[in-house]
Amino acid sequence: MDDDLLDIGEVARRSGLTASALRFYERKGLIEPAGRNGLRRTYEPGTLERLALITRARDAGFTLAEIAELFAAKPSDAELRERLRAQAANLEARITRLAFMRDSLLHASICLHDPLVECPDFRRFVRSAVPRT
């Protein structure tokens, strides 16, 4: 076996994914094995970066089909670029909501007000999340 190639078990361990997930991504055309070492699939080391991108994109709400489009994207894909901008805006809104929740929970973890939901600071956090019309 080529010394640079990683077998499926090593890729699974290093990526934090299961071997079945790797085979699934392979069936979907998102990754490609470099060959086999006996019965075990082997992969180029660069597959780990590709898997990291797949994982982050899935965490961000991308579908596998969207991820496949991203891998095939060309500089001239204006429609895809617009969808990516829209997805980035959605992520920014989600980050804002999550930051609000983080700040609320951190305050709640140290607040001594009884009951907690009546705490003026906690209520200020909640009011800041109420949509304005």
C-alpha atoms as a PDB file:
ATOM      1  CA  MET A   1       0.000   0.000   0.000  1.00  0.00           C
ATOM      2  CA  ASP A   2       1.152   3.539  -0.791  1.00  0.00           C
ATOM      3  CA  ASP A   3       2.548   5.005   2.459  1.00  0.00           C
ATOM      4  CA  ASP A   4       0.567   8.226   1.939  1.00  0.00           C
ATOM      5  CA  LEU A   5      -2.813   6.506   1.667  1.00  0.00           C
ATOM      6  CA  LEU A   6      -5.039   6.105   4.700  1.00  0.00           C
ATOM      7  CA  ASP A   7      -7.261   3.112   5.187  1.00  0.00           C
ATOM      8  CA  ILE A   8     -10.931   3.584   5.947  1.00  0.00           C
ATOM      9  CA  GLY A   9     -10.442   2.914   9.660  1.00  0.00           C
ATOM     10  CA  GLU A  10      -7.808   5.644   9.960  1.00  0.00           C
ATOM     11  CA  VAL A  11      -9.938   8.124   8.001  1.00  0.00           C
ATOM     12  CA  ALA A  12     -12.906   7.305  10.235  1.00  0.00           C
ATOM     13  CA  ARG A  13     -10.840   7.761  13.387  1.00  0.00           C
ATOM     14  CA  ARG A  14      -9.248  11.027  12.267  1.00  0.00           C
ATOM     15  CA  SER A  15     -12.446  12.535  10.850  1.00  0.00           C
ATOM     16  CA  GLY A  16     -14.691  11.463  13.724  1.00  0.00           C
ATOM     17  CA  LEU A  17     -17.052   9.799  11.264  1.00  0.00           C
ATOM     18  CA  THR A  18     -18.042   6.172  11.047  1.00  0.00           C
ATOM     19  CA  ALA A  19     -16.844   3.900   8.261  1.00  0.00           C
ATOM     20  CA  SER A  20     -20.481   3.557   7.176  1.00  0.00           C
ATOM     21  CA  ALA A  21     -20.727   7.364   6.864  1.00  0.00           C
ATOM     22  CA  LEU A  22     -17.628   7.327   4.672  1.00  0.00           C
ATOM     23  CA  ARG A  23     -19.151   4.654   2.454  1.00  0.00           C
ATOM     24  CA  PHE A  24     -22.401   6.674   2.321  1.00  0.00           C
ATOM     25  CA  TYR A  25     -20.524   9.829   1.257  1.00  0.00           C
ATOM     26  CA  GLU A  26     -18.741   7.741  -1.332  1.00  0.00           C
ATOM     27  CA  ARG A  27     -22.062   6.485  -2.754  1.00  0.00           C
ATOM     28  CA  LYS A  28     -23.249  10.108  -2.919  1.00  0.00           C
ATOM     29  CA  GLY A  29     -20.118  11.054  -4.885  1.00  0.00           C
ATOM     30  CA  LEU A  30     -18.741  13.380  -2.200  1.00  0.00           C
ATOM     31  CA  ILE A  31     -15.539  11.424  -1.615  1.00  0.00           C
ATOM     32  CA  GLU A  32     -13.678   8.887  -3.670  1.00  0.00           C
ATOM     33  CA  PRO A  33     -11.406   6.071  -2.520  1.00  0.00           C
ATOM     34  CA  ALA A  34      -7.919   5.948  -3.951  1.00  0.00           C
ATOM     35  CA  GLY A  35      -8.001   2.174  -4.047  1.00  0.00           C
ATOM     36  CA  ARG A  36      -7.983  -0.813  -1.748  1.00  0.00           C
ATOM     37  CA  ASN A  37      -5.601  -2.509   0.599  1.00  0.00           C
ATOM     38  CA  GLY A  38      -6.992  -6.001   0.567  1.00  0.00           C
ATOM     39  CA  LEU A  39     -10.694  -5.539   1.250  1.00  0.00           C
ATOM     40  CA  ARG A  40     -10.305  -2.145   2.932  1.00  0.00           C
ATOM     41  CA  ARG A  41     -10.807   1.107   1.071  1.00  0.00           C
ATOM     42  CA  THR A  42      -7.931   3.566   1.078  1.00  0.00           C
ATOM     43  CA  TYR A  43      -8.105   7.333   0.706  1.00  0.00           C
ATOM     44  CA  GLU A  44      -5.774  10.190  -0.139  1.00  0.00           C
ATOM     45  CA  PRO A  45      -4.896  12.350   2.901  1.00  0.00           C
ATOM     46  CA  GLY A  46      -6.740  15.268   1.260  1.00  0.00           C
ATOM     47  CA  THR A  47      -9.968  13.367   1.846  1.00  0.00           C
ATOM     48  CA  LEU A  48      -9.761  14.484   5.491  1.00  0.00           C
ATOM     49  CA  GLU A  49     -10.043  18.136   4.427  1.00  0.00           C
ATOM     50  CA  ARG A  50     -12.967  17.298   2.167  1.00  0.00           C
ATOM     51  CA  LEU A  51     -14.685  15.491   5.049  1.00  0.00           C
ATOM     52  CA  ALA A  52     -14.067  18.468   7.330  1.00  0.00           C
ATOM     53  CA  LEU A  53     -15.781  20.711   4.785  1.00  0.00           C
ATOM     54  CA  ILE A  54     -18.694  18.263   4.474  1.00  0.00           C
ATOM     55  CA  THR A  55     -19.080  18.160   8.256  1.00  0.00           C
ATOM     56  CA  ARG A  56     -18.959  21.955   8.634  1.00  0.00           C
ATOM     57  CA  ALA A  57     -21.348  22.469   5.731  1.00  0.00           C
ATOM     58  CA  ARG A  58     -23.820  19.964   7.214  1.00  0.00           C
ATOM     59  CA  ASP A  59     -23.519  21.736  10.585  1.00  0.00           C
ATOM     60  CA  ALA A  60     -24.374  24.967   8.757  1.00  0.00           C
ATOM     61  CA  GLY A  61     -27.519  23.436   7.278  1.00  0.00           C
ATOM     62  CA  PHE A  62     -26.358  22.480   3.804  1.00  0.00           C
ATOM     63  CA  THR A  63     -27.886  19.387   2.219  1.00  0.00           C
ATOM     64  CA  LEU A  64     -25.666  16.750   0.655  1.00  0.00           C
ATOM     65  CA  ALA A  65     -26.888  17.864  -2.773  1.00  0.00           C
ATOM     66  CA  GLU A  66     -25.848  21.449  -1.995  1.00  0.00           C
ATOM     67  CA  ILE A  67     -22.460  20.235  -0.795  1.00  0.00           C
ATOM     68  CA  ALA A  68     -22.013  18.278  -4.030  1.00  0.00           C
ATOM     69  CA  GLU A  69     -22.838  21.492  -5.960  1.00  0.00           C
ATOM     70  CA  LEU A  70     -20.274  23.365  -3.909  1.00  0.00           C
ATOM     71  CA  PHE A  71     -17.590  20.805  -4.776  1.00  0.00           C
ATOM     72  CA  ALA A  72     -18.440  21.144  -8.477  1.00  0.00           C
ATOM     73  CA  ALA A  73     -18.738  24.962  -8.442  1.00  0.00           C
ATOM     74  CA  LYS A  74     -17.001  27.054 -11.059  1.00  0.00           C
ATOM     75  CA  PRO A  75     -16.241  30.782 -10.815  1.00  0.00           C
ATOM     76  CA  SER A  76     -19.016  31.413 -13.358  1.00  0.00           C
ATOM     77  CA  ASP A  77     -21.768  29.815 -11.223  1.00  0.00           C
ATOM     78  CA  ALA A  78     -23.605  33.065 -10.421  1.00  0.00           C
ATOM     79  CA  GLU A  79     -26.781  31.355  -9.186  1.00  0.00           C
ATOM     80  CA  LEU A  80     -24.838  29.177  -6.766  1.00  0.00           C
ATOM     81  CA  ARG A  81     -22.880  32.182  -5.511  1.00  0.00           C
ATOM     82  CA  GLU A  82     -26.148  34.004  -4.770  1.00  0.00           C
ATOM     83  CA  ARG A  83     -27.473  30.980  -2.852  1.00  0.00           C
ATOM     84  CA  LEU A  84     -24.199  30.875  -0.901  1.00  0.00           C
ATOM     85  CA  ARG A  85     -24.617  34.557   0.014  1.00  0.00           C
ATOM     86  CA  ALA A  86     -28.183  33.845   1.171  1.00  0.00           C
ATOM     87  CA  GLN A  87     -26.968  30.872   3.222  1.00  0.00           C
ATOM     88  CA  ALA A  88     -24.277  33.073   4.783  1.00  0.00           C
ATOM     89  CA  ALA A  89     -26.946  35.634   5.739  1.00  0.00           C
ATOM     90  CA  ASN A  90     -29.046  32.853   7.292  1.00  0.00           C
ATOM     91  CA  LEU A  91     -26.024  31.685   9.249  1.00  0.00           C
ATOM     92  CA  GLU A  92     -25.357  35.221  10.466  1.00  0.00           C
ATOM     93  CA  ALA A  93     -28.931  35.457  11.781  1.00  0.00           C
ATOM     94  CA  ARG A  94     -28.563  32.055  13.432  1.00  0.00           C
ATOM     95  CA  ILE A  95     -25.267  33.109  15.042  1.00  0.00           C
ATOM     96  CA  THR A  96     -26.972  36.198  16.439  1.00  0.00           C
ATOM     97  CA  ARG A  97     -29.773  34.084  17.942  1.00  0.00           C
ATOM     98  CA  LEU A  98     -27.295  31.590  19.377  1.00  0.00           C
ATOM     99  CA  ALA A  99     -25.167  34.378  20.871  1.00  0.00           C
ATOM    100  CA  PHE A 100     -28.292  35.757  22.543  1.00  0.00           C
ATOM    101  CA  MET A 101     -29.060  32.319  23.981  1.00  0.00           C
ATOM    102  CA  ARG A 102     -25.459  31.882  25.142  1.00  0.00           C
ATOM    103  CA  ASP A 103     -25.502  35.240  26.909  1.00  0.00           C
ATOM    104  CA  SER A 104     -28.870  34.481  28.504  1.00  0.00           C
ATOM    105  CA  LEU A 105     -27.681  31.114  29.781  1.00  0.00           C
ATOM    106  CA  LEU A 106     -24.438  32.530  31.114  1.00  0.00           C
ATOM    107  CA  HIS A 107     -26.368  35.174  33.020  1.00  0.00           C
ATOM    108  CA  ALA A 108     -28.872  32.597  34.268  1.00  0.00           C
ATOM    109  CA  SER A 109     -26.031  30.419  35.532  1.00  0.00           C
ATOM    110  CA  ILE A 110     -24.888  33.108  37.990  1.00  0.00           C
ATOM    111  CA  CYS A 111     -28.099  35.056  38.655  1.00  0.00           C
ATOM    112  CA  LEU A 112     -29.464  34.925  42.194  1.00  0.00           C
ATOM    113  CA  HIS A 113     -32.819  36.521  41.394  1.00  0.00           C
ATOM    114  CA  ASP A 114     -35.837  34.520  42.579  1.00  0.00           C
ATOM    115  CA  PRO A 115     -37.571  33.620  40.324  1.00  0.00           C
ATOM    116  CA  LEU A 116     -34.977  33.787  37.615  1.00  0.00           C
ATOM    117  CA  VAL A 117     -37.418  34.762  34.871  1.00  0.00           C
ATOM    118  CA  GLU A 118     -38.239  37.958  36.817  1.00  0.00           C
ATOM    119  CA  CYS A 119     -34.615  39.097  36.873  1.00  0.00           C
ATOM    120  CA  PRO A 120     -34.400  42.533  35.195  1.00  0.00           C
ATOM    121  CA  ASP A 121     -31.224  41.592  33.350  1.00  0.00           C
ATOM    122  CA  PHE A 122     -32.676  38.304  32.152  1.00  0.00           C
ATOM    123  CA  ARG A 123     -35.845  40.104  31.007  1.00  0.00           C
ATOM    124  CA  ARG A 124     -33.669  42.614  29.133  1.00  0.00           C
ATOM    125  CA  PHE A 125     -32.051  39.697  27.278  1.00  0.00           C
ATOM    126  CA  VAL A 126     -35.489  38.347  26.420  1.00  0.00           C
ATOM    127  CA  ARG A 127     -36.796  41.748  25.287  1.00  0.00           C
ATOM    128  CA  SER A 128     -33.804  42.181  23.008  1.00  0.00           C
ATOM    129  CA  ALA A 129     -34.893  39.022  21.157  1.00  0.00           C
ATOM    130  CA  VAL A 130     -38.479  40.177  20.583  1.00  0.00           C
ATOM    131  CA  PRO A 131     -38.965  41.114  16.911  1.00  0.00           C
ATOM    132  CA  ARG A 132     -39.663  44.788  16.319  1.00  0.00           C
ATOM    133  CA  THR A 133     -42.343  45.887  13.907  1.00  0.00           C
END
